[in-house]
Amino acid sequence: MSDFQAEYDAYCNEYGTPDRIEMMLCDLNAVLRGKWLPGDEVDKLINGGVRLPMSTYAPNILGSEVEATGLGITIGDPDGFIVPVDGTLKPVPWANGNVAQVLVEMVDEDCNISSISTRNHLRNVIDRFEKEGLHPVVATELEFYIVKRRDDSSDAPSPPDGLPDAQNYDLEVLNQSEAILTEILEASKAQGLATDALIAEYGPGQFEINFHHTDDVLAAADTALMFKRLVIGIVDGHGLEATFMAKPYAEEPGNGMHVHASVVDDDGNNIFASENDEDVSPRLKAAVAGVLGTMRDMQAIFAPHMNSYRRFQPNSFAPSAPDWGLDHRGAAIRLPEISGPGARLEHRISGADVNPYLVLAAILGGIHYGLHHECDLPLPLEDDKSSDAEPLTHDWTTAVALFEESDFAKDLFGEDYQKIYTAVRRDEIKELTSIITAVEYRYYLSRL
């Protein structure tokens, strides 16, 4: 019996045979694509009878094939065989009827997972650590907004009625949204998502979920991906919309995805831990230096979309330079603890609009790079002698160019995927920046 057959049987024993199974493939933009399969036809999935074009891994954000990737119809758009990801068959509590969902990958005829799978890229980075007897431990935090349902997809968002302009940690806001938030937490529990604290964030209608630390890094990325889908589905059922867009409001804080990361050895010892509460250990310093030194090259991963760069404007409430500090929330890299088992770094650059597999791969890749290379470490922000770091770019095109030219990106993701990622982003830049906006019509059409 296959592992998935046993998993499916356990599901049926608890919930009954599902009406359908929603097979979810994560693409480059963390958009879930796939197929519905009747629950009584699960043998097709188990026996490799379900296929998708391999190019499904790498469309642009509009959903279109990008010819410059070298995928799709230029090579005949060949199929891959869908295989389920172990441990991800879960109920969909917000759906009508008995509906199951499962994350899937695609493999070739030799059963090798596609080299353009973002999940597989994260697995490859984890392997680098494990070959050295090291094991990353991560936790993510995700911010999102709940907004009124819009009549048209091009309409601007507006917050639900009755919320304060600044709701930071406001318990009454949680009470007002209790029905939605309780359903989110209950659905997370039903799907086995390791949720921790839930808070009201600063912006009106903004919330943040924290997840527990885990050494199952792939599961942590799976959790972030599935939580987004869960929130959007549940909020829709309440007549509202949820968004993980990086900057939905110009004058309000954006949505981020913070990542806490540490590394333990085979004996479970945290290699970042200092012997005291005052000195940062050499290996934690090395990890911080590696992450800071590769941050510009990876900005196109941490800020993948046009809207992402609005978080990097002045006074945007988000860190915008490769700097660090001890428990300093204004820093790109914050060190919440430097001794004991909780010693770790917190990476605060990414928006909530990212692909979590690629972000974790980039952060852990930066840590690994720092542990193996002599990287310059600037002074922390709290040091009187520190100077301001040069800000990260606020330009999408520049960030993509830095990624395209990066030797670090080539080593981390491979030259082929570096080219594919760059091609998709350049295609999106061409498509989206050619659109003449309402602002341009408003201020230019009748004046010039």
Protein backbone atom coordinates (compact mmCIF):
# COMPACT_ATOMS: atom_id res chain seq x y z
CA MET A 1 0.00 0.00 0.00
CA SER A 2 1.36 3.45 -0.93
CA ASP A 3 1.79 6.11 1.74
CA PHE A 4 -0.89 8.20 0.06
CA GLN A 5 -3.31 5.25 -0.08
CA ALA A 6 -2.95 4.89 3.68
CA GLU A 7 -3.41 8.64 4.10
CA TYR A 8 -6.51 8.57 1.91
CA ASP A 9 -7.97 5.61 3.80
CA ALA A 10 -7.43 7.43 7.10
CA TYR A 11 -9.20 10.47 5.67
CA CYS A 12 -12.17 8.37 4.58
CA ASN A 13 -12.37 6.68 7.97
CA GLU A 14 -12.64 10.07 9.65
CA TYR A 15 -14.67 12.09 7.16
CA GLY A 16 -16.09 9.62 4.64
CA THR A 17 -15.27 9.43 0.94
CA PRO A 18 -14.79 12.99 -0.32
CA ASP A 19 -17.02 14.34 -3.05
CA ARG A 20 -13.90 15.64 -4.73
CA ILE A 21 -10.17 16.05 -4.18
CA GLU A 22 -8.71 19.43 -5.06
CA MET A 23 -5.16 18.84 -6.32
CA MET A 24 -3.09 21.99 -5.76
CA LEU A 25 0.16 22.74 -7.59
CA CYS A 26 2.12 25.79 -6.41
CA ASP A 27 3.41 27.88 -9.28
CA LEU A 28 6.26 30.39 -9.32
CA ASN A 29 3.97 33.13 -7.98
CA ALA A 30 2.50 30.86 -5.26
CA VAL A 31 -0.77 30.74 -7.16
CA LEU A 32 -2.36 27.33 -6.67
CA ARG A 33 -3.23 25.60 -9.93
CA GLY A 34 -4.48 22.10 -10.60
CA LYS A 35 -7.55 19.94 -11.06
CA TRP A 36 -10.55 18.54 -9.24
CA LEU A 37 -10.76 14.75 -9.05
CA PRO A 38 -13.88 12.84 -7.93
CA GLY A 39 -13.16 11.24 -4.57
CA ASP A 40 -14.04 7.76 -5.82
CA GLU A 41 -11.42 8.06 -8.60
CA VAL A 42 -8.46 8.45 -6.27
CA ASP A 43 -6.73 5.49 -7.96
CA LYS A 44 -5.94 7.80 -10.89
CA LEU A 45 -3.90 9.99 -8.58
CA ILE A 46 -2.22 7.07 -6.83
CA ASN A 47 -1.30 5.34 -10.09
CA GLY A 48 0.00 8.39 -11.96
CA GLY A 49 -3.04 8.81 -14.17
CA VAL A 50 -3.42 12.58 -13.65
CA ARG A 51 -1.30 14.99 -15.65
CA LEU A 52 -0.68 18.69 -16.16
CA PRO A 53 1.63 20.55 -18.54
CA MET A 54 5.04 21.10 -16.92
CA SER A 55 4.72 24.77 -17.88
CA THR A 56 2.02 25.07 -15.19
CA TYR A 57 4.87 25.68 -12.74
CA ALA A 58 5.90 28.95 -14.41
CA PRO A 59 3.14 31.14 -15.90
CA ASN A 60 3.14 34.88 -15.25
CA ILE A 61 0.83 36.48 -12.69
CA LEU A 62 -1.80 36.91 -15.40
CA GLY A 63 -1.79 33.14 -15.90
CA SER A 64 -0.23 33.33 -19.36
CA GLU A 65 2.58 31.21 -20.73
CA VAL A 66 5.92 33.02 -20.99
CA GLU A 67 7.68 32.00 -24.19
CA ALA A 68 11.07 33.27 -23.01
CA THR A 69 11.15 30.62 -20.26
CA GLY A 70 11.70 27.96 -22.91
CA LEU A 71 8.69 26.09 -21.53
CA GLY A 72 5.22 25.62 -22.95
CA ILE A 73 4.37 25.32 -26.60
CA THR A 74 7.93 26.18 -27.73
CA ILE A 75 8.90 22.63 -26.70
CA GLY A 76 5.51 21.06 -27.30
CA ASP A 77 4.18 21.79 -23.77
CA PRO A 78 4.86 18.27 -22.43
CA ASP A 79 2.95 16.86 -19.48
CA GLY A 80 4.20 15.91 -16.07
CA PHE A 81 2.66 13.23 -13.88
CA ILE A 82 0.95 14.55 -10.75
CA VAL A 83 2.01 13.01 -7.43
CA PRO A 84 0.62 13.93 -4.00
CA VAL A 85 2.79 15.51 -1.33
CA ASP A 86 2.79 13.24 1.71
CA GLY A 87 0.92 14.58 4.72
CA THR A 88 -1.03 17.29 2.89
CA LEU A 89 -4.40 15.57 2.32
CA LYS A 90 -6.74 17.72 4.41
CA PRO A 91 -10.44 18.59 4.67
CA VAL A 92 -11.68 21.92 3.29
CA PRO A 93 -14.06 23.05 6.06
CA TRP A 94 -15.30 26.17 4.24
CA ALA A 95 -16.35 24.27 1.09
CA ASN A 96 -19.81 22.89 0.44
CA GLY A 97 -19.95 19.15 0.99
CA ASN A 98 -17.12 16.76 1.79
CA VAL A 99 -14.15 18.28 -0.02
CA ALA A 100 -10.49 17.29 0.40
CA GLN A 101 -7.40 19.11 -0.78
CA VAL A 102 -3.87 17.89 -1.35
CA LEU A 103 -0.67 19.57 -2.45
CA VAL A 104 0.87 17.97 -5.52
CA GLU A 105 4.10 18.02 -7.47
CA MET A 106 4.87 16.90 -11.00
CA VAL A 107 7.40 14.24 -11.91
CA ASP A 108 8.85 13.06 -15.19
CA GLU A 109 8.78 9.49 -16.53
CA ASP A 110 11.70 8.61 -14.24
CA CYS A 111 9.72 9.84 -11.20
CA ASN A 112 12.02 12.83 -10.67
CA ILE A 113 10.34 15.96 -9.32
CA SER A 114 10.50 18.79 -11.82
CA SER A 115 13.50 21.09 -11.52
CA ILE A 116 11.15 24.06 -11.78
CA SER A 117 9.22 23.11 -8.64
CA THR A 118 9.69 25.87 -6.06
CA ARG A 119 9.10 23.36 -3.28
CA ASN A 120 11.93 21.24 -4.66
CA HIS A 121 14.29 24.24 -4.62
CA LEU A 122 13.66 24.61 -0.90
CA ARG A 123 14.29 20.90 -0.41
CA ASN A 124 17.65 21.29 -2.16
CA VAL A 125 18.71 24.06 0.23
CA ILE A 126 17.70 21.97 3.24
CA ASP A 127 19.84 19.15 1.85
CA ARG A 128 22.89 21.43 1.93
CA PHE A 129 22.50 21.80 5.68
CA GLU A 130 21.70 18.17 6.34
CA LYS A 131 24.82 16.97 4.54
CA GLU A 132 26.74 18.87 7.22
CA GLY A 133 24.72 17.49 10.14
CA LEU A 134 22.76 20.74 10.48
CA HIS A 135 19.02 21.33 10.54
CA PRO A 136 17.26 24.67 10.01
CA VAL A 137 14.39 25.59 12.32
CA VAL A 138 11.92 28.21 11.09
CA ALA A 139 8.70 29.98 11.93
CA THR A 140 6.75 32.40 9.78
CA GLU A 141 4.43 35.29 10.54
CA LEU A 142 1.86 36.40 7.97
CA GLU A 143 -0.08 39.66 7.80
CA PHE A 144 -3.28 40.16 5.83
CA TYR A 145 -6.13 42.62 5.42
CA ILE A 146 -9.86 41.98 5.47
CA VAL A 147 -11.69 44.42 3.18
CA LYS A 148 -15.22 45.04 2.00
CA ARG A 149 -16.28 43.02 -1.02
CA ARG A 150 -15.75 45.09 -4.16
CA ASP A 151 -18.10 45.34 -7.12
CA ASP A 152 -15.23 45.22 -9.61
CA SER A 153 -11.74 43.75 -9.36
CA SER A 154 -10.22 47.11 -10.32
CA ASP A 155 -11.91 48.96 -7.43
CA ALA A 156 -9.76 50.18 -4.56
CA PRO A 157 -10.18 48.39 -1.22
CA SER A 158 -11.87 49.82 1.83
CA PRO A 159 -11.90 48.46 5.40
CA PRO A 160 -14.97 46.95 7.06
CA ASP A 161 -17.18 49.43 8.96
CA GLY A 162 -16.62 50.27 12.60
CA LEU A 163 -12.87 49.73 12.84
CA PRO A 164 -10.43 52.27 14.34
CA ASP A 165 -7.87 53.94 12.10
CA ALA A 166 -5.07 52.38 14.17
CA GLN A 167 -6.03 49.02 15.67
CA ASN A 168 -2.62 47.76 16.82
CA TYR A 169 -3.15 44.89 19.34
CA ASP A 170 -6.72 46.13 19.91
CA LEU A 171 -8.65 43.33 21.61
CA GLU A 172 -11.99 44.94 20.76
CA VAL A 173 -11.15 44.62 17.07
CA LEU A 174 -10.63 40.90 17.63
CA ASN A 175 -14.02 40.74 19.33
CA GLN A 176 -15.70 42.53 16.42
CA SER A 177 -14.18 40.04 13.98
CA GLU A 178 -14.68 37.03 16.26
CA ALA A 179 -16.87 34.99 13.92
CA ILE A 180 -14.37 35.15 11.06
CA LEU A 181 -11.25 34.74 13.20
CA THR A 182 -12.70 31.82 15.15
CA GLU A 183 -13.58 30.05 11.90
CA ILE A 184 -10.05 30.67 10.60
CA LEU A 185 -8.51 29.16 13.73
CA GLU A 186 -10.89 26.19 13.72
CA ALA A 187 -10.20 25.47 10.04
CA SER A 188 -6.46 25.77 10.71
CA LYS A 189 -6.82 23.18 13.46
CA ALA A 190 -8.82 20.88 11.17
CA GLN A 191 -6.03 21.11 8.59
CA GLY A 192 -3.28 20.60 11.15
CA LEU A 193 -1.74 24.03 10.59
CA ALA A 194 0.52 24.98 13.51
CA THR A 195 -1.01 28.37 14.29
CA ASP A 196 0.14 30.28 17.35
CA ALA A 197 -0.88 33.83 18.29
CA LEU A 198 -3.41 35.86 16.30
CA ILE A 199 -3.34 39.64 16.70
CA ALA A 200 -4.93 42.78 15.30
CA GLU A 201 -2.21 44.62 13.39
CA TYR A 202 -1.85 48.38 12.90
CA GLY A 203 -3.88 48.99 9.74
CA PRO A 204 -7.71 49.00 9.75
CA GLY A 205 -8.83 45.43 9.08
CA GLN A 206 -5.27 44.09 9.28
CA PHE A 207 -4.38 40.94 11.20
CA GLU A 208 -1.30 38.82 11.79
CA ILE A 209 -0.96 35.09 12.40
CA ASN A 210 2.11 33.51 13.95
CA PHE A 211 3.08 29.89 13.37
CA HIS A 212 5.04 27.61 15.69
CA HIS A 213 8.75 26.98 15.14
CA THR A 214 9.50 23.72 13.37
CA ASP A 215 12.46 21.83 11.96
CA ASP A 216 10.19 20.58 9.16
CA VAL A 217 10.96 23.50 6.89
CA LEU A 218 8.97 22.17 3.94
CA ALA A 219 5.93 21.83 6.18
CA ALA A 220 6.41 25.43 7.35
CA ALA A 221 6.26 26.63 3.75
CA ASP A 222 3.29 24.35 3.03
CA THR A 223 1.53 25.84 6.05
CA ALA A 224 2.02 29.43 4.90
CA LEU A 225 0.72 28.54 1.44
CA MET A 226 -2.34 26.64 2.69
CA PHE A 227 -3.14 29.29 5.31
CA LYS A 228 -3.47 31.94 2.62
CA ARG A 229 -5.98 29.79 0.75
CA LEU A 230 -7.86 29.05 3.95
CA VAL A 231 -8.19 32.72 4.93
CA ILE A 232 -9.33 33.83 1.49
CA GLY A 233 -11.94 31.05 1.36
CA ILE A 234 -13.35 31.66 4.83
CA VAL A 235 -13.49 35.45 4.55
CA ASP A 236 -15.28 35.13 1.21
CA GLY A 237 -17.94 33.08 2.98
CA HIS A 238 -18.61 36.06 5.24
CA GLY A 239 -19.25 38.42 2.34
CA LEU A 240 -15.84 40.11 2.57
CA GLU A 241 -12.45 39.76 0.87
CA ALA A 242 -9.04 38.93 2.32
CA THR A 243 -5.78 39.97 0.72
CA PHE A 244 -2.11 39.21 1.26
CA MET A 245 -1.17 41.91 -1.26
CA ALA A 246 1.99 43.66 -0.09
CA LYS A 247 0.59 47.20 -0.03
CA PRO A 248 -3.20 47.45 -0.52
CA TYR A 249 -3.41 50.95 1.00
CA ALA A 250 -1.00 53.77 0.20
CA GLU A 251 -1.26 55.37 3.66
CA GLU A 252 -1.38 52.23 5.78
CA PRO A 253 1.24 49.59 6.67
CA GLY A 254 1.80 46.84 4.15
CA ASN A 255 1.49 43.09 4.65
CA GLY A 256 4.72 41.30 5.49
CA MET A 257 5.89 37.75 5.96
CA HIS A 258 8.53 37.68 8.69
CA VAL A 259 10.69 34.59 9.03
CA HIS A 260 12.42 33.45 12.22
CA ALA A 261 15.33 31.10 11.56
CA SER A 262 17.88 29.18 13.58
CA VAL A 263 20.02 26.10 12.99
CA VAL A 264 20.54 23.08 15.24
CA ASP A 265 23.08 20.27 15.01
CA ASP A 266 22.41 16.52 15.12
CA ASP A 267 22.30 16.67 18.93
CA GLY A 268 19.68 19.42 18.92
CA ASN A 269 22.06 22.18 19.99
CA ASN A 270 21.34 25.64 18.61
CA ILE A 271 24.53 26.64 16.81
CA PHE A 272 23.58 30.35 17.04
CA ALA A 273 23.40 30.38 20.84
CA SER A 274 25.84 32.59 22.73
CA GLU A 275 27.19 31.66 26.13
CA ASN A 276 25.79 34.90 27.58
CA ASP A 277 23.04 37.44 26.97
CA GLU A 278 25.37 40.22 25.84
CA ASP A 279 27.54 38.88 23.03
CA VAL A 280 26.30 37.65 19.66
CA SER A 281 27.92 34.32 18.84
CA PRO A 282 30.35 34.14 15.90
CA ARG A 283 28.09 31.77 13.94
CA LEU A 284 25.03 33.96 14.38
CA LYS A 285 27.08 36.95 13.24
CA ALA A 286 28.22 34.94 10.22
CA ALA A 287 24.62 33.99 9.41
CA VAL A 288 23.45 37.61 9.67
CA ALA A 289 26.33 38.75 7.46
CA GLY A 290 25.42 36.13 4.86
CA VAL A 291 21.76 37.12 4.79
CA LEU A 292 22.59 40.82 4.58
CA GLY A 293 25.25 40.24 1.92
CA THR A 294 22.82 38.37 -0.35
CA MET A 295 19.74 40.51 0.34
CA ARG A 296 20.03 42.75 -2.72
CA ASP A 297 20.48 39.74 -4.99
CA MET A 298 17.37 38.15 -3.48
CA GLN A 299 15.11 41.20 -3.36
CA ALA A 300 13.25 39.98 -6.45
CA ILE A 301 12.32 36.90 -4.36
CA PHE A 302 11.39 38.90 -1.24
CA ALA A 303 9.47 41.47 -3.33
CA PRO A 304 8.29 39.63 -6.44
CA HIS A 305 5.57 41.94 -7.76
CA MET A 306 5.06 45.52 -8.93
CA ASN A 307 3.04 46.37 -5.84
CA SER A 308 5.73 44.84 -3.58
CA TYR A 309 7.98 47.86 -4.09
CA ARG A 310 5.52 50.25 -2.48
CA ARG A 311 6.66 48.74 0.83
CA PHE A 312 10.20 50.02 0.12
CA GLN A 313 9.24 53.68 -0.20
CA PRO A 314 10.24 56.16 2.57
CA ASN A 315 7.99 56.07 5.66
CA SER A 316 6.30 52.87 4.46
CA PHE A 317 6.44 51.16 7.90
CA ALA A 318 8.70 48.39 6.54
CA PRO A 319 12.48 47.90 6.74
CA SER A 320 14.05 49.03 3.50
CA ALA A 321 17.83 48.61 3.96
CA PRO A 322 20.15 45.64 4.66
CA ASP A 323 20.80 46.38 8.33
CA TRP A 324 20.46 44.55 11.63
CA GLY A 325 19.96 45.12 15.32
CA LEU A 326 19.35 43.43 18.66
CA ASP A 327 15.58 43.25 19.18
CA HIS A 328 15.19 46.21 16.81
CA ARG A 329 11.93 46.14 14.83
CA GLY A 330 13.15 48.82 12.47
CA ALA A 331 15.91 46.55 11.20
CA ALA A 332 15.78 44.23 8.21
CA ILE A 333 17.33 41.53 10.41
CA ARG A 334 16.30 41.53 14.06
CA LEU A 335 17.86 39.31 16.71
CA PRO A 336 15.08 38.61 19.23
CA GLU A 337 17.28 36.27 21.32
CA ILE A 338 20.99 35.54 21.19
CA SER A 339 21.42 32.89 23.89
CA GLY A 340 19.75 29.59 24.73
CA PRO A 341 17.58 27.44 22.46
CA GLY A 342 15.66 30.50 21.22
CA ALA A 343 18.69 32.20 19.65
CA ARG A 344 17.69 33.16 16.11
CA LEU A 345 17.42 35.86 13.50
CA GLU A 346 14.20 37.37 12.24
CA HIS A 347 14.10 38.32 8.57
CA ARG A 348 11.67 41.23 8.14
CA ILE A 349 12.01 42.19 4.46
CA SER A 350 9.53 39.95 2.64
CA GLY A 351 6.00 40.94 1.78
CA ALA A 352 3.10 38.57 2.35
CA ASP A 353 2.75 38.31 -1.44
CA VAL A 354 5.74 36.00 -1.81
CA ASN A 355 6.24 32.37 -2.72
CA PRO A 356 7.09 30.91 0.73
CA TYR A 357 9.26 28.12 -0.72
CA LEU A 358 11.47 30.56 -2.59
CA VAL A 359 11.68 32.97 0.35
CA LEU A 360 12.75 30.26 2.80
CA ALA A 361 15.23 28.95 0.24
CA ALA A 362 16.71 32.44 -0.19
CA ILE A 363 16.95 33.13 3.56
CA LEU A 364 18.40 29.74 4.45
CA GLY A 365 20.67 29.97 1.43
CA GLY A 366 21.95 33.30 2.75
CA ILE A 367 22.55 31.78 6.18
CA HIS A 368 24.43 28.86 4.65
CA TYR A 369 26.48 31.24 2.52
CA GLY A 370 27.43 33.29 5.58
CA LEU A 371 28.50 30.19 7.51
CA HIS A 372 30.92 29.26 4.71
CA HIS A 373 32.21 32.62 3.47
CA GLU A 374 33.84 35.64 5.06
CA CYS A 375 31.13 38.29 4.72
CA ASP A 376 31.40 41.83 6.02
CA LEU A 377 29.08 42.51 8.93
CA PRO A 378 28.11 46.15 9.45
CA LEU A 379 27.67 47.54 12.94
CA PRO A 380 24.22 46.99 14.48
CA LEU A 381 21.75 49.87 14.42
CA GLU A 382 22.04 50.47 18.16
CA ASP A 383 25.78 51.09 17.89
CA ASP A 384 26.56 54.82 18.08
CA LYS A 385 29.22 54.37 15.39
CA SER A 386 26.91 52.68 12.88
CA SER A 387 26.01 54.45 9.65
CA ASP A 388 22.92 54.12 7.51
CA ALA A 389 23.03 51.28 5.01
CA GLU A 390 22.30 52.03 1.38
CA PRO A 391 18.58 51.31 0.91
CA LEU A 392 17.36 48.40 -1.13
CA THR A 393 15.95 49.36 -4.48
CA HIS A 394 12.37 50.56 -4.75
CA ASP A 395 12.38 49.67 -8.45
CA TRP A 396 11.10 46.31 -9.66
CA THR A 397 13.17 46.30 -12.84
CA THR A 398 16.40 46.94 -10.93
CA ALA A 399 15.69 44.12 -8.48
CA VAL A 400 15.07 41.66 -11.31
CA ALA A 401 18.30 42.73 -13.00
CA LEU A 402 20.24 42.14 -9.77
CA PHE A 403 18.76 38.66 -9.51
CA GLU A 404 19.55 37.92 -13.16
CA GLU A 405 23.21 38.91 -12.70
CA SER A 406 23.70 37.24 -9.31
CA ASP A 407 26.23 34.46 -8.91
CA PHE A 408 24.57 33.64 -5.60
CA ALA A 409 21.18 33.16 -7.29
CA LYS A 410 22.80 30.97 -9.94
CA ASP A 411 24.39 28.76 -7.28
CA LEU A 412 21.27 28.59 -5.13
CA PHE A 413 18.62 27.94 -7.78
CA GLY A 414 20.68 26.81 -10.76
CA GLU A 415 21.26 28.75 -13.96
CA ASP A 416 18.18 27.35 -15.70
CA TYR A 417 15.76 28.38 -12.98
CA GLN A 418 17.47 31.75 -12.60
CA LYS A 419 16.70 32.34 -16.28
CA ILE A 420 13.11 31.10 -15.96
CA TYR A 421 12.40 33.28 -12.94
CA THR A 422 13.93 36.31 -14.63
CA ALA A 423 11.97 35.68 -17.84
CA VAL A 424 8.65 35.51 -15.97
CA ARG A 425 9.38 38.71 -14.07
CA ARG A 426 10.48 40.56 -17.19
CA ASP A 427 7.31 39.43 -18.95
CA GLU A 428 5.21 40.73 -16.05
CA ILE A 429 7.10 44.02 -16.08
CA LYS A 430 6.36 44.40 -19.80
CA GLU A 431 2.68 43.54 -19.36
CA LEU A 432 1.90 45.57 -16.24
CA THR A 433 3.99 48.68 -16.78
CA SER A 434 2.45 49.19 -20.23
CA ILE A 435 -1.00 49.73 -18.69
CA ILE A 436 -1.99 53.40 -18.61
CA THR A 437 -3.42 54.04 -15.15
CA ALA A 438 -6.37 56.09 -13.95
CA VAL A 439 -3.91 58.43 -12.22
CA GLU A 440 -2.28 59.28 -15.55
CA TYR A 441 -5.64 60.02 -17.15
CA ARG A 442 -6.69 62.12 -14.17
CA TYR A 443 -3.63 64.37 -14.07
CA TYR A 444 -2.33 64.38 -17.65
CA LEU A 445 -5.14 63.86 -20.15
CA SER A 446 -6.86 67.25 -19.75
CA ARG A 447 -3.80 69.24 -18.64
CA LEU A 448 -1.19 68.47 -21.26
